[in-house]
Amino acid sequence: MPLCEACGRAPAVSFSAFNDRDGKPWRWALTCYCTSTRESYYVKFPDFFREPQHWIEHLTPKFWFSAERFLEALGRALEARVPAGAREARDAE
């Protein structure tokens, strides 16, 4: 499980989107709860890995969503094997 990309101290628990107010699509990071007052949107790992198609369909029409930026974060999560339990839960269904 990766460490939070914001604080580097606790395990990441979600994909969190941040509006940097630079006119670009929002930035995605793997975070713990330390960003709960700063993030603009989040999807917890178990929720995403249980229904990835649902979440992609849900996020895609949002004006601030960038599939490229989200897929970069997803790639980091998968590379770090995050979270093994969430992926296993989806595969068991």
Protein backbone atom coordinates (compact mmCIF):
# COMPACT_ATOMS: atom_id res chain seq x y z
CA MET A 1 0.00 0.00 0.00
CA PRO A 2 1.48 3.38 -0.92
CA LEU A 3 2.00 6.21 1.46
CA CYS A 4 -0.13 9.31 1.11
CA GLU A 5 1.28 11.54 -1.62
CA ALA A 6 0.35 14.61 0.43
CA CYS A 7 1.86 13.92 3.85
CA GLY A 8 3.99 10.82 3.23
CA ARG A 9 3.20 9.47 6.71
CA ALA A 10 0.03 7.37 6.48
CA PRO A 11 -1.23 4.79 3.99
CA ALA A 12 -3.26 6.27 1.13
CA VAL A 13 -6.98 5.41 1.23
CA SER A 14 -8.42 7.28 -1.75
CA PHE A 15 -8.00 8.99 -5.08
CA SER A 16 -8.32 12.70 -4.27
CA ALA A 17 -8.81 15.48 -6.80
CA PHE A 18 -7.44 18.96 -6.23
CA ASN A 19 -8.48 22.13 -8.01
CA ASP A 20 -5.24 24.09 -8.33
CA ARG A 21 -7.21 27.02 -9.75
CA ASP A 22 -4.86 27.22 -12.73
CA GLY A 23 -7.54 26.58 -15.35
CA LYS A 24 -6.33 23.02 -15.93
CA PRO A 25 -8.24 19.80 -15.17
CA TRP A 26 -8.01 18.87 -11.53
CA ARG A 27 -4.95 17.02 -10.27
CA TRP A 28 -5.36 13.54 -8.76
CA ALA A 29 -3.30 12.16 -5.86
CA LEU A 30 -3.32 9.06 -3.68
CA THR A 31 -4.08 10.36 -0.20
CA CYS A 32 -4.93 9.50 3.38
CA TYR A 33 -7.37 11.52 5.47
CA CYS A 34 -4.95 14.45 5.86
CA THR A 35 -6.41 16.16 2.79
CA SER A 36 -10.08 15.97 3.82
CA THR A 37 -10.34 19.74 4.21
CA ARG A 38 -8.35 20.55 1.04
CA GLU A 39 -9.44 18.06 -1.58
CA SER A 40 -12.15 19.02 -4.04
CA TYR A 41 -13.38 15.46 -4.68
CA TYR A 42 -12.41 11.94 -3.64
CA VAL A 43 -13.15 8.29 -4.37
CA LYS A 44 -12.14 5.72 -1.76
CA PHE A 45 -10.09 2.82 -3.11
CA PRO A 46 -12.56 0.06 -2.13
CA ASP A 47 -15.42 1.94 -3.80
CA PHE A 48 -13.47 2.47 -7.01
CA PHE A 49 -12.09 -1.06 -7.29
CA ARG A 50 -15.50 -2.58 -6.53
CA GLU A 51 -17.10 -0.71 -9.47
CA PRO A 52 -14.42 0.88 -11.68
CA GLN A 53 -16.67 1.22 -14.73
CA HIS A 54 -19.31 3.00 -12.67
CA TRP A 55 -16.77 5.52 -11.37
CA ILE A 56 -15.25 6.19 -14.79
CA GLU A 57 -18.75 6.75 -16.23
CA HIS A 58 -19.61 8.97 -13.26
CA LEU A 59 -16.47 11.10 -13.52
CA THR A 60 -16.13 11.39 -17.31
CA PRO A 61 -18.84 14.05 -17.91
CA LYS A 62 -17.54 16.36 -15.19
CA PHE A 63 -15.95 19.47 -16.69
CA TRP A 64 -12.95 19.27 -14.36
CA PHE A 65 -12.20 15.58 -15.00
CA SER A 66 -9.18 14.56 -17.05
CA ALA A 67 -9.02 10.86 -17.86
CA GLU A 68 -5.29 11.22 -18.50
CA ARG A 69 -4.65 12.67 -15.04
CA PHE A 70 -6.88 10.10 -13.34
CA LEU A 71 -5.26 7.20 -15.20
CA GLU A 72 -1.85 8.43 -14.07
CA ALA A 73 -3.03 8.20 -10.45
CA LEU A 74 -4.64 4.81 -11.10
CA GLY A 75 -1.37 3.59 -12.56
CA ARG A 76 0.50 4.68 -9.44
CA ALA A 77 -2.07 2.90 -7.27
CA LEU A 78 -1.83 -0.33 -9.27
CA GLU A 79 1.95 -0.16 -9.36
CA ALA A 80 1.98 0.13 -5.56
CA ARG A 81 -0.49 -2.76 -5.38
CA VAL A 82 -3.14 -0.63 -3.73
CA PRO A 83 -5.22 -1.87 -2.13
CA ALA A 84 -4.86 -5.60 -2.51
CA GLY A 85 -8.05 -6.19 -0.51
CA ALA A 86 -10.13 -3.87 -2.68
CA ARG A 87 -9.04 -5.56 -5.91
CA GLU A 88 -9.60 -9.02 -4.42
CA ALA A 89 -13.12 -8.01 -3.32
CA ARG A 90 -13.97 -6.99 -6.88
CA ASP A 91 -12.48 -10.18 -8.37
CA ALA A 92 -14.52 -12.34 -5.97
CA GLU A 93 -17.85 -10.96 -7.22
